PDB file of N, CA and C in Angstrom:
ATOM      1  N   UNK A   1      12.479  62.825  31.383  1.00  0.00           N
ATOM      2  CA  UNK A   1      12.862  62.034  30.369  1.00  0.00           C
ATOM      3  C   UNK A   1      11.694  61.194  30.070  1.00  0.00           C
ATOM      4  N   UNK A   2      11.401  61.140  28.742  1.00  0.00           N
ATOM      5  CA  UNK A   2      10.215  59.951  28.466  1.00  0.00           C
ATOM      6  C   UNK A   2      10.850  58.923  27.547  1.00  0.00           C
ATOM      7  N   UNK A   3      10.335  57.973  27.295  1.00  0.00           N
ATOM      8  CA  UNK A   3      10.754  56.857  26.620  1.00  0.00           C
ATOM      9  C   UNK A   3       9.461  56.717  25.945  1.00  0.00           C
ATOM     10  N   UNK A   4       9.725  56.904  24.584  1.00  0.00           N
ATOM     11  CA  UNK A   4       8.762  56.259  23.536  1.00  0.00           C
ATOM     12  C   UNK A   4       9.307  55.088  22.490  1.00  0.00           C
ATOM     13  N   UNK A   5       8.229  54.072  22.037  1.00  0.00           N
ATOM     14  CA  UNK A   5       8.520  53.278  21.071  1.00  0.00           C
ATOM     15  C   UNK A   5       7.719  53.111  20.263  1.00  0.00           C
ATOM     16  N   UNK A   6       8.125  53.251  19.360  1.00  0.00           N
ATOM     17  CA  UNK A   6       7.417  53.323  17.655  1.00  0.00           C
ATOM     18  C   UNK A   6       7.569  51.793  17.030  1.00  0.00           C
ATOM     19  N   UNK A   7       6.515  51.235  16.798  1.00  0.00           N
ATOM     20  CA  UNK A   7       6.463  49.868  16.024  1.00  0.00           C
ATOM     21  C   UNK A   7       5.948  50.327  14.381  1.00  0.00           C
ATOM     22  N   UNK A   8       6.482  49.708  13.763  1.00  0.00           N
ATOM     23  CA  UNK A   8       6.263  49.510  12.446  1.00  0.00           C
ATOM     24  C   UNK A   8       4.668  48.946  12.071  1.00  0.00           C
ATOM     25  N   UNK A   9       4.605  49.279  10.586  1.00  0.00           N
ATOM     26  CA  UNK A   9       3.321  48.457  10.393  1.00  0.00           C
ATOM     27  C   UNK A   9       3.264  46.707  10.804  1.00  0.00           C
ATOM     28  N   UNK A  10       2.204  46.344  11.241  1.00  0.00           N
ATOM     29  CA  UNK A  10       2.417  44.714  11.778  1.00  0.00           C
ATOM     30  C   UNK A  10       2.543  43.768  10.407  1.00  0.00           C
ATOM     31  N   UNK A  11       3.773  43.235  10.670  1.00  0.00           N
ATOM     32  CA  UNK A  11       3.947  42.287   9.199  1.00  0.00           C
ATOM     33  C   UNK A  11       3.157  41.095   9.531  1.00  0.00           C
ATOM     34  N   UNK A  12       2.823  40.591   8.142  1.00  0.00           N
ATOM     35  CA  UNK A  12       1.989  39.413   8.032  1.00  0.00           C
ATOM     36  C   UNK A  12       2.662  37.945   7.460  1.00  0.00           C
ATOM     37  N   UNK A  13       2.825  37.191   8.704  1.00  0.00           N
ATOM     38  CA  UNK A  13       3.553  35.987   8.223  1.00  0.00           C
ATOM     39  C   UNK A  13       2.903  35.083   7.057  1.00  0.00           C
ATOM     40  N   UNK A  14       3.753  34.634   6.415  1.00  0.00           N
ATOM     41  CA  UNK A  14       3.523  34.047   5.016  1.00  0.00           C
ATOM     42  C   UNK A  14       4.032  32.528   5.060  1.00  0.00           C
ATOM     43  N   UNK A  15       3.702  31.061   4.876  1.00  0.00           N
ATOM     44  CA  UNK A  15       4.472  30.303   4.678  1.00  0.00           C
ATOM     45  C   UNK A  15       5.488  30.622   3.215  1.00  0.00           C
ATOM     46  N   UNK A  16       6.697  29.938   3.253  1.00  0.00           N
ATOM     47  CA  UNK A  16       7.437  30.199   2.191  1.00  0.00           C
ATOM     48  C   UNK A  16       7.303  29.358   1.005  1.00  0.00           C
ATOM     49  N   UNK A  17       7.294  30.092  -0.125  1.00  0.00           N
ATOM     50  CA  UNK A  17       6.747  29.564  -1.615  1.00  0.00           C
ATOM     51  C   UNK A  17       7.021  28.059  -1.884  1.00  0.00           C
ATOM     52  N   UNK A  18       5.888  27.528  -1.770  1.00  0.00           N
ATOM     53  CA  UNK A  18       6.080  25.760  -2.077  1.00  0.00           C
ATOM     54  C   UNK A  18       6.043  25.075  -1.217  1.00  0.00           C
ATOM     55  N   UNK A  19       6.042  25.376   0.189  1.00  0.00           N
ATOM     56  CA  UNK A  19       5.781  24.606   1.662  1.00  0.00           C
ATOM     57  C   UNK A  19       4.788  24.324   1.379  1.00  0.00           C
ATOM     58  N   UNK A  20       3.631  24.730   1.053  1.00  0.00           N
ATOM     59  CA  UNK A  20       1.902  24.506   1.492  1.00  0.00           C
ATOM     60  C   UNK A  20       2.064  23.186   0.149  1.00  0.00           C
ATOM     61  N   UNK A  21       2.182  23.136  -0.978  1.00  0.00           N
ATOM     62  CA  UNK A  21       2.297  22.506  -2.039  1.00  0.00           C
ATOM     63  C   UNK A  21       3.293  20.979  -1.321  1.00  0.00           C
ATOM     64  N   UNK A  22       4.653  21.306  -1.103  1.00  0.00           N
ATOM     65  CA  UNK A  22       5.120  20.208  -0.523  1.00  0.00           C
ATOM     66  C   UNK A  22       4.349  19.438   0.428  1.00  0.00           C
ATOM     67  N   UNK A  23       4.195  19.907   1.523  1.00  0.00           N
ATOM     68  CA  UNK A  23       2.916  19.348   2.613  1.00  0.00           C
ATOM     69  C   UNK A  23       1.979  18.565   2.472  1.00  0.00           C
ATOM     70  N   UNK A  24       1.269  19.276   1.130  1.00  0.00           N
ATOM     71  CA  UNK A  24      -0.048  18.569   0.506  1.00  0.00           C
ATOM     72  C   UNK A  24       0.669  17.188  -0.121  1.00  0.00           C
ATOM     73  N   UNK A  25       1.652  17.282  -1.013  1.00  0.00           N
ATOM     74  CA  UNK A  25       2.563  16.293  -1.796  1.00  0.00           C
ATOM     75  C   UNK A  25       2.869  15.149  -0.446  1.00  0.00           C
ATOM     76  N   UNK A  26       3.486  15.461   0.284  1.00  0.00           N
ATOM     77  CA  UNK A  26       4.037  14.638   1.335  1.00  0.00           C
ATOM     78  C   UNK A  26       3.089  13.775   2.150  1.00  0.00           C
ATOM     79  N   UNK A  27       1.619  14.472   2.392  1.00  0.00           N
ATOM     80  CA  UNK A  27       0.750  13.829   3.199  1.00  0.00           C
ATOM     81  C   UNK A  27       0.028  13.034   2.172  1.00  0.00           C
ATOM     82  N   UNK A  28      -0.123  13.555   1.161  1.00  0.00           N
ATOM     83  CA  UNK A  28      -0.819  12.196   0.077  1.00  0.00           C
ATOM     84  C   UNK A  28       0.171  11.013  -0.121  1.00  0.00           C
ATOM     85  N   UNK A  29       1.454  11.657  -0.439  1.00  0.00           N
ATOM     86  CA  UNK A  29       2.183  10.203  -0.407  1.00  0.00           C
ATOM     87  C   UNK A  29       2.487   9.203   1.023  1.00  0.00           C
ATOM     88  N   UNK A  30       2.306   9.932   1.502  1.00  0.00           N
ATOM     89  CA  UNK A  30       2.350   8.800   3.177  1.00  0.00           C
ATOM     90  C   UNK A  30       0.968   8.069   3.161  1.00  0.00           C
ATOM     91  N   UNK A  31      -0.311   9.181   3.030  1.00  0.00           N
ATOM     92  CA  UNK A  31      -1.531   8.224   2.542  1.00  0.00           C
ATOM     93  C   UNK A  31      -1.482   7.148   1.663  1.00  0.00           C
ATOM     94  N   UNK A  32      -1.184   7.029   0.649  1.00  0.00           N
ATOM     95  CA  UNK A  32      -0.767   6.130  -0.638  1.00  0.00           C
ATOM     96  C   UNK A  32      -0.154   4.925   0.304  1.00  0.00           C
ATOM     97  N   UNK A  33       1.247   5.150   0.685  1.00  0.00           N
ATOM     98  CA  UNK A  33       2.045   4.308   1.284  1.00  0.00           C
ATOM     99  C   UNK A  33       0.924   3.483   2.340  1.00  0.00           C
ATOM    100  N   UNK A  34       0.541   4.163   3.260  1.00  0.00           N
ATOM    101  CA  UNK A  34      -0.240   3.402   4.299  1.00  0.00           C
ATOM    102  C   UNK A  34      -1.648   2.697   3.646  1.00  0.00           C
ATOM    103  N   UNK A  35      -2.257   3.133   2.607  1.00  0.00           N
ATOM    104  CA  UNK A  35      -3.131   2.227   1.800  1.00  0.00           C
ATOM    105  C   UNK A  35      -2.305   0.571   1.385  1.00  0.00           C
ATOM    106  N   UNK A  36      -1.258   1.236   0.529  1.00  0.00           N
ATOM    107  CA  UNK A  36      -0.694   0.107  -0.045  1.00  0.00           C
ATOM    108  C   UNK A  36      -0.215  -0.916   0.988  1.00  0.00           C
ATOM    109  N   UNK A  37       0.282  -0.413   2.122  1.00  0.00           N
ATOM    110  CA  UNK A  37       0.596  -1.364   3.266  1.00  0.00           C
ATOM    111  C   UNK A  37      -0.595  -2.060   3.829  1.00  0.00           C
ATOM    112  N   UNK A  38      -1.900  -1.299   4.118  1.00  0.00           N
ATOM    113  CA  UNK A  38      -2.740  -2.151   4.479  1.00  0.00           C
ATOM    114  C   UNK A  38      -3.233  -3.228   3.433  1.00  0.00           C
ATOM    115  N   UNK A  39      -3.179  -3.142   2.028  1.00  0.00           N
ATOM    116  CA  UNK A  39      -3.754  -3.701   1.098  1.00  0.00           C
ATOM    117  C   UNK A  39      -2.825  -4.926   0.890  1.00  0.00           C
ATOM    118  N   UNK A  40      -1.312  -4.947   1.358  1.00  0.00           N
ATOM    119  CA  UNK A  40      -0.424  -5.807   1.323  1.00  0.00           C
ATOM    120  C   UNK A  40      -0.884  -6.521   2.805  1.00  0.00           C
ATOM    121  N   UNK A  41      -1.256  -6.422   4.111  1.00  0.00           N
ATOM    122  CA  UNK A  41      -1.222  -7.254   4.861  1.00  0.00           C
ATOM    123  C   UNK A  41      -2.702  -8.033   4.875  1.00  0.00           C
ATOM    124  N   UNK A  42      -3.791  -7.158   4.207  1.00  0.00           N
ATOM    125  CA  UNK A  42      -5.155  -8.220   3.997  1.00  0.00           C
ATOM    126  C   UNK A  42      -5.035  -9.060   2.744  1.00  0.00           C
ATOM    127  N   UNK A  43      -4.230  -9.035   1.941  1.00  0.00           N
ATOM    128  CA  UNK A  43      -3.799  -9.751   0.870  1.00  0.00           C
ATOM    129  C   UNK A  43      -3.195 -11.034   1.689  1.00  0.00           C
ATOM    130  N   UNK A  44      -2.132 -10.733   2.246  1.00  0.00           N
ATOM    131  CA  UNK A  44      -1.332 -12.148   3.044  1.00  0.00           C
ATOM    132  C   UNK A  44      -2.381 -12.767   3.898  1.00  0.00           C
ATOM    133  N   UNK A  45      -3.306 -12.217   4.193  1.00  0.00           N
ATOM    134  CA  UNK A  45      -4.240 -12.963   5.264  1.00  0.00           C
ATOM    135  C   UNK A  45      -4.936 -13.849   4.569  1.00  0.00           C
ATOM    136  N   UNK A  46      -5.069 -13.677   2.934  1.00  0.00           N
ATOM    137  CA  UNK A  46      -6.435 -14.653   2.487  1.00  0.00           C
ATOM    138  C   UNK A  46      -5.298 -15.721   1.665  1.00  0.00           C
ATOM    139  N   UNK A  47      -5.682 -16.620   2.776  1.00  0.00           N
ATOM    140  CA  UNK A  47      -4.747 -18.043   2.324  1.00  0.00           C
ATOM    141  C   UNK A  47      -6.094 -18.796   1.777  1.00  0.00           C
ATOM    142  N   UNK A  48      -5.897 -19.715   0.647  1.00  0.00           N
ATOM    143  CA  UNK A  48      -6.436 -20.482   0.205  1.00  0.00           C
ATOM    144  C   UNK A  48      -7.019 -22.077   0.895  1.00  0.00           C
ATOM    145  N   UNK A  49      -8.232 -22.227   1.284  1.00  0.00           N
ATOM    146  CA  UNK A  49      -8.598 -23.207   2.009  1.00  0.00           C
ATOM    147  C   UNK A  49      -8.887 -24.416   1.705  1.00  0.00           C
ATOM    148  N   UNK A  50      -9.448 -24.536   0.367  1.00  0.00           N
ATOM    149  CA  UNK A  50      -9.287 -25.802  -0.464  1.00  0.00           C
ATOM    150  C   UNK A  50      -8.969 -25.988  -1.739  1.00  0.00           C
ATOM    151  N   UNK A  51      -8.997 -26.980  -2.378  1.00  0.00           N
ATOM    152  CA  UNK A  51      -8.339 -27.266  -3.670  1.00  0.00           C
ATOM    153  C   UNK A  51      -8.692 -26.734  -4.817  1.00  0.00           C
ATOM    154  N   UNK A  52     -10.008 -25.932  -4.984  1.00  0.00           N
ATOM    155  CA  UNK A  52     -10.842 -25.009  -5.504  1.00  0.00           C
ATOM    156  C   UNK A  52     -10.055 -23.553  -5.788  1.00  0.00           C
ATOM    157  N   UNK A  53      -9.831 -23.010  -4.394  1.00  0.00           N
ATOM    158  CA  UNK A  53      -9.127 -22.121  -4.107  1.00  0.00           C
ATOM    159  C   UNK A  53      -7.842 -21.942  -4.468  1.00  0.00           C
ATOM    160  N   UNK A  54      -7.036 -22.761  -4.514  1.00  0.00           N
ATOM    161  CA  UNK A  54      -5.679 -23.161  -4.831  1.00  0.00           C
ATOM    162  C   UNK A  54      -5.593 -22.831  -6.320  1.00  0.00           C
ATOM    163  N   UNK A  55      -6.374 -23.755  -6.903  1.00  0.00           N
ATOM    164  CA  UNK A  55      -6.366 -23.621  -8.233  1.00  0.00           C
ATOM    165  C   UNK A  55      -6.787 -22.284  -8.597  1.00  0.00           C
ATOM    166  N   UNK A  56      -7.958 -21.583  -8.372  1.00  0.00           N
ATOM    167  CA  UNK A  56      -7.816 -20.195  -8.380  1.00  0.00           C
ATOM    168  C   UNK A  56      -7.056 -19.219  -8.282  1.00  0.00           C
ATOM    169  N   UNK A  57      -5.889 -19.611  -7.068  1.00  0.00           N
ATOM    170  CA  UNK A  57      -4.833 -18.869  -7.063  1.00  0.00           C
ATOM    171  C   UNK A  57      -4.168 -19.135  -8.159  1.00  0.00           C
ATOM    172  N   UNK A  58      -3.755 -20.319  -8.687  1.00  0.00           N
ATOM    173  CA  UNK A  58      -2.796 -20.673  -9.562  1.00  0.00           C
ATOM    174  C   UNK A  58      -3.095 -19.947 -10.852  1.00  0.00           C
ATOM    175  N   UNK A  59      -4.364 -19.650 -11.459  1.00  0.00           N
ATOM    176  CA  UNK A  59      -4.824 -19.168 -12.321  1.00  0.00           C
ATOM    177  C   UNK A  59      -4.429 -17.772 -12.274  1.00  0.00           C
ATOM    178  N   UNK A  60      -4.765 -17.189 -11.601  1.00  0.00           N
ATOM    179  CA  UNK A  60      -4.439 -15.602 -11.249  1.00  0.00           C
ATOM    180  C   UNK A  60      -3.083 -14.911 -10.917  1.00  0.00           C
ATOM    181  N   UNK A  61      -2.131 -16.196 -10.713  1.00  0.00           N
ATOM    182  CA  UNK A  61      -0.728 -15.858 -10.774  1.00  0.00           C
ATOM    183  C   UNK A  61       0.282 -16.569 -12.332  1.00  0.00           C
ATOM    184  N   UNK A  62      -0.610 -17.038 -12.951  1.00  0.00           N
ATOM    185  CA  UNK A  62      -0.184 -17.423 -14.057  1.00  0.00           C
ATOM    186  C   UNK A  62       0.534 -16.788 -14.960  1.00  0.00           C
ATOM    187  N   UNK A  63       0.134 -15.509 -15.258  1.00  0.00           N
ATOM    188  CA  UNK A  63       1.027 -14.436 -15.726  1.00  0.00           C
ATOM    189  C   UNK A  63       2.200 -14.139 -15.349  1.00  0.00           C
ATOM    190  N   UNK A  64       2.261 -13.525 -14.059  1.00  0.00           N
ATOM    191  CA  UNK A  64       3.529 -13.113 -13.335  1.00  0.00           C
ATOM    192  C   UNK A  64       4.109 -14.370 -12.882  1.00  0.00           C
ATOM    193  N   UNK A  65       3.731 -15.508 -12.672  1.00  0.00           N
ATOM    194  CA  UNK A  65       4.718 -16.552 -11.925  1.00  0.00           C
ATOM    195  C   UNK A  65       4.255 -17.777 -12.693  1.00  0.00           C
ATOM    196  N   UNK A  66       4.486 -18.160 -13.988  1.00  0.00           N
ATOM    197  CA  UNK A  66       3.930 -19.717 -14.542  1.00  0.00           C
ATOM    198  C   UNK A  66       4.394 -20.895 -13.490  1.00  0.00           C
ATOM    199  N   UNK A  67       6.025 -20.924 -13.115  1.00  0.00           N
ATOM    200  CA  UNK A  67       6.353 -21.983 -12.507  1.00  0.00           C
ATOM    201  C   UNK A  67       5.767 -22.447 -11.368  1.00  0.00           C
ATOM    202  N   UNK A  68       5.467 -21.348 -10.602  1.00  0.00           N
ATOM    203  CA  UNK A  68       4.890 -21.432  -9.317  1.00  0.00           C
ATOM    204  C   UNK A  68       3.469 -21.869  -9.128  1.00  0.00           C
ATOM    205  N   UNK A  69       2.656 -21.309 -10.379  1.00  0.00           N
ATOM    206  CA  UNK A  69       1.579 -21.695 -10.579  1.00  0.00           C
ATOM    207  C   UNK A  69       1.471 -23.193 -11.174  1.00  0.00           C
ATOM    208  N   UNK A  70       2.231 -23.814 -11.590  1.00  0.00           N
ATOM    209  CA  UNK A  70       1.987 -25.031 -12.446  1.00  0.00           C
ATOM    210  C   UNK A  70       2.428 -25.849 -11.030  1.00  0.00           C
ATOM    211  N   UNK A  71       3.424 -25.587 -10.438  1.00  0.00           N
ATOM    212  CA  UNK A  71       3.503 -26.152  -8.879  1.00  0.00           C
ATOM    213  C   UNK A  71       2.549 -26.128  -8.002  1.00  0.00           C
ATOM    214  N   UNK A  72       1.465 -25.115  -7.762  1.00  0.00           N
ATOM    215  CA  UNK A  72       0.410 -25.278  -7.106  1.00  0.00           C
ATOM    216  C   UNK A  72      -0.734 -26.318  -7.778  1.00  0.00           C
ATOM    217  N   UNK A  73      -1.038 -26.301  -9.144  1.00  0.00           N
ATOM    218  CA  UNK A  73      -1.750 -27.211  -9.852  1.00  0.00           C
ATOM    219  C   UNK A  73      -1.359 -28.484  -9.400  1.00  0.00           C
ATOM    220  N   UNK A  74       0.084 -28.982  -9.679  1.00  0.00           N
ATOM    221  CA  UNK A  74       0.416 -29.990  -9.230  1.00  0.00           C
ATOM    222  C   UNK A  74       0.227 -30.575  -8.111  1.00  0.00           C
ATOM    223  N   UNK A  75       0.434 -29.987  -6.912  1.00  0.00           N
ATOM    224  CA  UNK A  75       0.077 -30.383  -5.524  1.00  0.00           C
ATOM    225  C   UNK A  75      -1.442 -30.334  -5.625  1.00  0.00           C
ATOM    226  N   UNK A  76      -2.393 -29.654  -6.106  1.00  0.00           N
ATOM    227  CA  UNK A  76      -3.671 -29.828  -6.135  1.00  0.00           C
ATOM    228  C   UNK A  76      -3.826 -31.311  -6.675  1.00  0.00           C
ATOM    229  N   UNK A  77      -3.865 -31.670  -7.964  1.00  0.00           N
ATOM    230  CA  UNK A  77      -3.798 -32.565  -8.435  1.00  0.00           C
ATOM    231  C   UNK A  77      -3.215 -33.849  -7.717  1.00  0.00           C
ATOM    232  N   UNK A  78      -1.954 -34.063  -7.312  1.00  0.00           N
ATOM    233  CA  UNK A  78      -1.506 -34.691  -6.167  1.00  0.00           C
ATOM    234  C   UNK A  78      -2.561 -35.095  -5.245  1.00  0.00           C
ATOM    235  N   UNK A  79      -2.725 -34.073  -4.603  1.00  0.00           N
ATOM    236  CA  UNK A  79      -3.632 -34.286  -3.103  1.00  0.00           C
ATOM    237  C   UNK A  79      -4.859 -34.771  -3.597  1.00  0.00           C
ATOM    238  N   UNK A  80      -5.563 -34.540  -4.714  1.00  0.00           N
ATOM    239  CA  UNK A  80      -6.783 -35.344  -5.035  1.00  0.00           C
ATOM    240  C   UNK A  80      -6.555 -36.439  -5.836  1.00  0.00           C
ATOM    241  N   UNK A  81      -5.522 -37.055  -6.216  1.00  0.00           N
ATOM    242  CA  UNK A  81      -5.533 -38.311  -6.507  1.00  0.00           C
ATOM    243  C   UNK A  81      -5.295 -39.392  -5.297  1.00  0.00           C
ATOM    244  N   UNK A  82      -4.587 -38.635  -4.390  1.00  0.00           N
ATOM    245  CA  UNK A  82      -4.497 -39.613  -3.051  1.00  0.00           C
ATOM    246  C   UNK A  82      -5.727 -39.609  -2.189  1.00  0.00           C
ATOM    247  N   UNK A  83      -6.699 -38.778  -2.478  1.00  0.00           N
ATOM    248  CA  UNK A  83      -7.875 -38.768  -1.670  1.00  0.00           C
ATOM    249  C   UNK A  83      -8.788 -39.962  -2.271  1.00  0.00           C
ATOM    250  N   UNK A  84      -8.783 -40.071  -3.836  1.00  0.00           N
ATOM    251  CA  UNK A  84      -9.290 -41.021  -4.486  1.00  0.00           C
ATOM    252  C   UNK A  84      -8.989 -42.485  -4.288  1.00  0.00           C
TER     253      UNK A  84
END
């Protein structure tokens, strides 16, 4: 008695439809979130060192937070009047 086995045609494995697109989209999203995080960390490190930099910061946030910008300017002017 002899045993024989027959195998069908070799099947080719392929990724499920849409999985490659999803993987690329997920990788792009992760990359974007990492860059955003790094940008926020770098931005937090940049603290104003003198009165002119504080005034420049106040001008840059005037549109989004006018109350805080006014407080920054008032602190600079108060500090300058004490120094004189």
